[in-house]
Amino acid sequence: MQQVVENIGYAEHSQPHNLTADELALIGRARDAYLSLSQVSCTACRYCMPCPNGVDIPRIFELYNDAIMYNDTRHPRWASMVIFREF
């Protein structure tokens, strides 16, 4: 409950354009670093679905991006085996 009260207090005092130029620059750098780790720019809108071959395209892109982002190809390989086994 204390966190809820604190969050309400922050919301009551926040206004548009409250961030300083340094804070905005930091957010921009964090955004750019995050985007540089996503190899496939997929919003998971599912416009490409259904795939005529039964592939969950957004999920495959998510697994691929996660493998790149976390430098871990073990999980995506396991997950893709589970996805394709469903067919």
N, C-alpha and C. Protein backbone atom coordinates (compact mmCIF):
# COMPACT_ATOMS: atom_id res chain seq x y z
N MET A 1 0.82 -1.20 0.00
CA MET A 1 0.00 0.00 0.00
C MET A 1 0.86 1.25 0.00
N GLN A 2 2.01 1.17 0.67
CA GLN A 2 2.91 2.32 0.71
C GLN A 2 3.38 2.70 -0.70
N GLN A 3 3.66 1.70 -1.52
CA GLN A 3 4.09 1.98 -2.90
C GLN A 3 2.98 2.63 -3.70
N VAL A 4 1.75 2.21 -3.47
CA VAL A 4 0.62 2.82 -4.17
C VAL A 4 0.51 4.29 -3.81
N VAL A 5 0.63 4.60 -2.53
CA VAL A 5 0.56 5.99 -2.06
C VAL A 5 1.70 6.81 -2.67
N GLU A 6 2.91 6.23 -2.69
CA GLU A 6 4.06 6.94 -3.29
C GLU A 6 3.83 7.18 -4.77
N ASN A 7 3.33 6.18 -5.48
CA ASN A 7 3.09 6.33 -6.91
C ASN A 7 2.04 7.40 -7.20
N ILE A 8 1.01 7.45 -6.38
CA ILE A 8 -0.01 8.49 -6.53
C ILE A 8 0.61 9.87 -6.32
N GLY A 9 1.48 9.97 -5.33
CA GLY A 9 2.16 11.25 -5.07
C GLY A 9 3.01 11.68 -6.25
N TYR A 10 3.75 10.73 -6.83
CA TYR A 10 4.56 11.06 -8.01
C TYR A 10 3.67 11.50 -9.18
N ALA A 11 2.57 10.79 -9.38
CA ALA A 11 1.67 11.11 -10.48
C ALA A 11 1.05 12.50 -10.31
N GLU A 12 0.74 12.87 -9.07
CA GLU A 12 0.13 14.18 -8.82
C GLU A 12 1.10 15.32 -9.10
N HIS A 13 2.40 15.05 -8.96
CA HIS A 13 3.39 16.11 -9.14
C HIS A 13 4.06 16.09 -10.50
N SER A 14 3.74 15.09 -11.31
CA SER A 14 4.39 15.02 -12.62
C SER A 14 3.63 15.87 -13.63
N GLN A 15 4.38 16.37 -14.58
CA GLN A 15 3.82 17.21 -15.63
C GLN A 15 4.57 16.90 -16.92
N PRO A 16 3.96 17.22 -18.06
CA PRO A 16 4.69 17.08 -19.30
C PRO A 16 5.94 17.97 -19.27
N HIS A 17 6.97 17.53 -19.91
CA HIS A 17 8.23 18.28 -20.05
C HIS A 17 8.96 18.47 -18.72
N ASN A 18 8.79 17.55 -17.78
CA ASN A 18 9.48 17.62 -16.49
C ASN A 18 10.93 17.17 -16.57
N LEU A 19 11.27 16.38 -17.57
CA LEU A 19 12.61 15.83 -17.64
C LEU A 19 13.61 16.86 -18.16
N THR A 20 14.80 16.80 -17.60
CA THR A 20 15.85 17.72 -18.05
C THR A 20 16.45 17.20 -19.35
N ALA A 21 17.25 18.02 -19.99
CA ALA A 21 17.91 17.62 -21.23
C ALA A 21 18.83 16.42 -20.97
N ASP A 22 19.52 16.40 -19.83
CA ASP A 22 20.38 15.26 -19.50
C ASP A 22 19.57 13.98 -19.32
N GLU A 23 18.42 14.08 -18.66
CA GLU A 23 17.58 12.90 -18.46
C GLU A 23 17.04 12.38 -19.79
N LEU A 24 16.62 13.30 -20.66
CA LEU A 24 16.14 12.89 -21.98
C LEU A 24 17.25 12.25 -22.80
N ALA A 25 18.46 12.77 -22.69
CA ALA A 25 19.60 12.19 -23.40
C ALA A 25 19.89 10.78 -22.88
N LEU A 26 19.81 10.59 -21.57
CA LEU A 26 20.04 9.27 -20.99
C LEU A 26 18.99 8.28 -21.49
N ILE A 27 17.74 8.69 -21.51
CA ILE A 27 16.67 7.83 -22.01
C ILE A 27 16.91 7.50 -23.48
N GLY A 28 17.34 8.48 -24.25
CA GLY A 28 17.65 8.25 -25.66
C GLY A 28 18.77 7.24 -25.85
N ARG A 29 19.81 7.34 -25.04
CA ARG A 29 20.93 6.39 -25.14
C ARG A 29 20.47 4.98 -24.76
N ALA A 30 19.65 4.89 -23.73
CA ALA A 30 19.14 3.57 -23.32
C ALA A 30 18.27 2.97 -24.43
N ARG A 31 17.42 3.80 -25.03
CA ARG A 31 16.57 3.34 -26.13
C ARG A 31 17.41 2.85 -27.31
N ASP A 32 18.43 3.63 -27.67
CA ASP A 32 19.29 3.25 -28.79
C ASP A 32 20.04 1.95 -28.51
N ALA A 33 20.51 1.78 -27.28
CA ALA A 33 21.21 0.55 -26.91
C ALA A 33 20.26 -0.64 -27.01
N TYR A 34 19.06 -0.47 -26.53
CA TYR A 34 18.07 -1.55 -26.60
C TYR A 34 17.74 -1.89 -28.06
N LEU A 35 17.48 -0.87 -28.86
CA LEU A 35 17.13 -1.11 -30.26
C LEU A 35 18.26 -1.75 -31.04
N SER A 36 19.51 -1.45 -30.67
CA SER A 36 20.64 -2.04 -31.39
C SER A 36 20.73 -3.54 -31.15
N LEU A 37 20.12 -4.02 -30.09
CA LEU A 37 20.14 -5.44 -29.78
C LEU A 37 18.99 -6.21 -30.43
N SER A 38 18.04 -5.51 -31.01
CA SER A 38 16.93 -6.17 -31.69
C SER A 38 17.25 -6.22 -33.18
N GLN A 39 17.53 -7.41 -33.66
CA GLN A 39 17.91 -7.59 -35.05
C GLN A 39 16.72 -7.51 -36.00
N VAL A 40 15.58 -7.98 -35.54
CA VAL A 40 14.37 -7.97 -36.36
C VAL A 40 13.37 -7.03 -35.70
N SER A 41 12.99 -6.01 -36.42
CA SER A 41 12.06 -5.01 -35.88
C SER A 41 10.63 -5.50 -36.07
N CYS A 42 10.17 -6.31 -35.13
CA CYS A 42 8.83 -6.88 -35.18
C CYS A 42 8.04 -6.38 -33.98
N THR A 43 6.85 -5.86 -34.23
CA THR A 43 6.00 -5.37 -33.15
C THR A 43 5.02 -6.43 -32.65
N ALA A 44 5.09 -7.62 -33.24
CA ALA A 44 4.18 -8.72 -32.90
C ALA A 44 2.71 -8.35 -33.15
N CYS A 45 2.49 -7.56 -34.20
CA CYS A 45 1.11 -7.17 -34.54
C CYS A 45 0.33 -8.34 -35.13
N ARG A 46 1.05 -9.38 -35.55
CA ARG A 46 0.48 -10.60 -36.10
C ARG A 46 -0.17 -10.41 -37.46
N TYR A 47 0.17 -9.32 -38.14
CA TYR A 47 -0.34 -9.08 -39.50
C TYR A 47 0.09 -10.21 -40.43
N CYS A 48 1.22 -10.80 -40.16
CA CYS A 48 1.76 -11.89 -40.99
C CYS A 48 1.11 -13.23 -40.71
N MET A 49 0.21 -13.25 -39.77
CA MET A 49 -0.42 -14.51 -39.36
C MET A 49 -1.83 -14.60 -39.93
N PRO A 50 -2.34 -15.75 -40.20
CA PRO A 50 -1.67 -17.03 -40.01
C PRO A 50 -0.70 -17.31 -41.15
N CYS A 51 0.40 -17.90 -40.80
CA CYS A 51 1.39 -18.31 -41.79
C CYS A 51 0.85 -19.55 -42.50
N PRO A 52 0.92 -19.59 -43.83
CA PRO A 52 0.41 -20.76 -44.54
C PRO A 52 1.16 -22.05 -44.19
N ASN A 53 2.37 -21.92 -43.63
CA ASN A 53 3.14 -23.09 -43.24
C ASN A 53 3.05 -23.38 -41.75
N GLY A 54 2.18 -22.66 -41.04
CA GLY A 54 1.97 -22.93 -39.63
C GLY A 54 3.05 -22.41 -38.70
N VAL A 55 3.86 -21.48 -39.17
CA VAL A 55 4.95 -20.94 -38.36
C VAL A 55 4.45 -19.74 -37.58
N ASP A 56 4.73 -19.71 -36.29
CA ASP A 56 4.39 -18.55 -35.46
C ASP A 56 5.51 -17.53 -35.66
N ILE A 57 5.40 -16.74 -36.70
CA ILE A 57 6.46 -15.83 -37.13
C ILE A 57 6.84 -14.84 -36.03
N PRO A 58 5.89 -14.15 -35.39
CA PRO A 58 6.29 -13.22 -34.33
C PRO A 58 7.07 -13.90 -33.20
N ARG A 59 6.67 -15.12 -32.84
CA ARG A 59 7.37 -15.84 -31.77
C ARG A 59 8.79 -16.20 -32.19
N ILE A 60 8.98 -16.60 -33.44
CA ILE A 60 10.32 -16.93 -33.93
C ILE A 60 11.19 -15.68 -33.90
N PHE A 61 10.65 -14.55 -34.34
CA PHE A 61 11.42 -13.30 -34.29
C PHE A 61 11.76 -12.93 -32.85
N GLU A 62 10.82 -13.15 -31.94
CA GLU A 62 11.08 -12.85 -30.53
C GLU A 62 12.22 -13.72 -29.99
N LEU A 63 12.19 -15.01 -30.31
CA LEU A 63 13.24 -15.92 -29.86
C LEU A 63 14.59 -15.51 -30.44
N TYR A 64 14.59 -15.14 -31.71
CA TYR A 64 15.84 -14.73 -32.36
C TYR A 64 16.39 -13.47 -31.70
N ASN A 65 15.53 -12.47 -31.51
CA ASN A 65 15.98 -11.22 -30.87
C ASN A 65 16.48 -11.47 -29.45
N ASP A 66 15.79 -12.34 -28.70
CA ASP A 66 16.24 -12.66 -27.34
C ASP A 66 17.61 -13.33 -27.36
N ALA A 67 17.82 -14.23 -28.32
CA ALA A 67 19.11 -14.91 -28.42
C ALA A 67 20.23 -13.91 -28.64
N ILE A 68 19.99 -12.93 -29.49
CA ILE A 68 20.99 -11.89 -29.76
C ILE A 68 21.17 -11.00 -28.54
N MET A 69 20.05 -10.55 -27.96
CA MET A 69 20.10 -9.61 -26.85
C MET A 69 20.82 -10.19 -25.63
N TYR A 70 20.53 -11.45 -25.33
CA TYR A 70 21.08 -12.07 -24.12
C TYR A 70 22.28 -12.97 -24.40
N ASN A 71 22.70 -13.00 -25.66
CA ASN A 71 23.85 -13.81 -26.07
C ASN A 71 23.69 -15.25 -25.57
N ASP A 72 22.49 -15.79 -25.79
CA ASP A 72 22.17 -17.13 -25.31
C ASP A 72 21.32 -17.84 -26.36
N THR A 73 21.92 -18.74 -27.10
CA THR A 73 21.17 -19.44 -28.13
C THR A 73 20.56 -20.74 -27.63
N ARG A 74 20.83 -21.12 -26.40
CA ARG A 74 20.28 -22.39 -25.89
C ARG A 74 18.77 -22.35 -25.74
N HIS A 75 18.24 -21.32 -25.11
CA HIS A 75 16.79 -21.24 -24.89
C HIS A 75 16.01 -21.17 -26.21
N PRO A 76 16.36 -20.30 -27.13
CA PRO A 76 15.58 -20.26 -28.38
C PRO A 76 15.57 -21.59 -29.12
N ARG A 77 16.68 -22.33 -29.09
CA ARG A 77 16.69 -23.62 -29.77
C ARG A 77 15.70 -24.58 -29.11
N TRP A 78 15.68 -24.61 -27.79
CA TRP A 78 14.74 -25.46 -27.08
C TRP A 78 13.30 -25.03 -27.36
N ALA A 79 13.06 -23.73 -27.28
CA ALA A 79 11.71 -23.21 -27.48
C ALA A 79 11.24 -23.47 -28.91
N SER A 80 12.12 -23.31 -29.88
CA SER A 80 11.70 -23.54 -31.27
C SER A 80 11.38 -25.01 -31.50
N MET A 81 12.08 -25.91 -30.82
CA MET A 81 11.76 -27.33 -30.95
C MET A 81 10.35 -27.59 -30.42
N VAL A 82 9.99 -26.94 -29.33
CA VAL A 82 8.65 -27.11 -28.77
C VAL A 82 7.62 -26.52 -29.72
N ILE A 83 7.90 -25.36 -30.28
CA ILE A 83 6.95 -24.72 -31.21
C ILE A 83 6.71 -25.62 -32.41
N PHE A 84 7.76 -26.13 -33.02
CA PHE A 84 7.61 -26.91 -34.23
C PHE A 84 7.08 -28.31 -33.96
N ARG A 85 7.23 -28.80 -32.75
CA ARG A 85 6.72 -30.12 -32.40
C ARG A 85 5.19 -30.10 -32.34
N GLU A 86 4.61 -28.92 -32.17
CA GLU A 86 3.15 -28.80 -32.08
C GLU A 86 2.48 -29.09 -33.40
N PHE A 87 3.21 -29.11 -34.50
CA PHE A 87 2.60 -29.30 -35.83
C PHE A 87 2.59 -30.75 -36.23
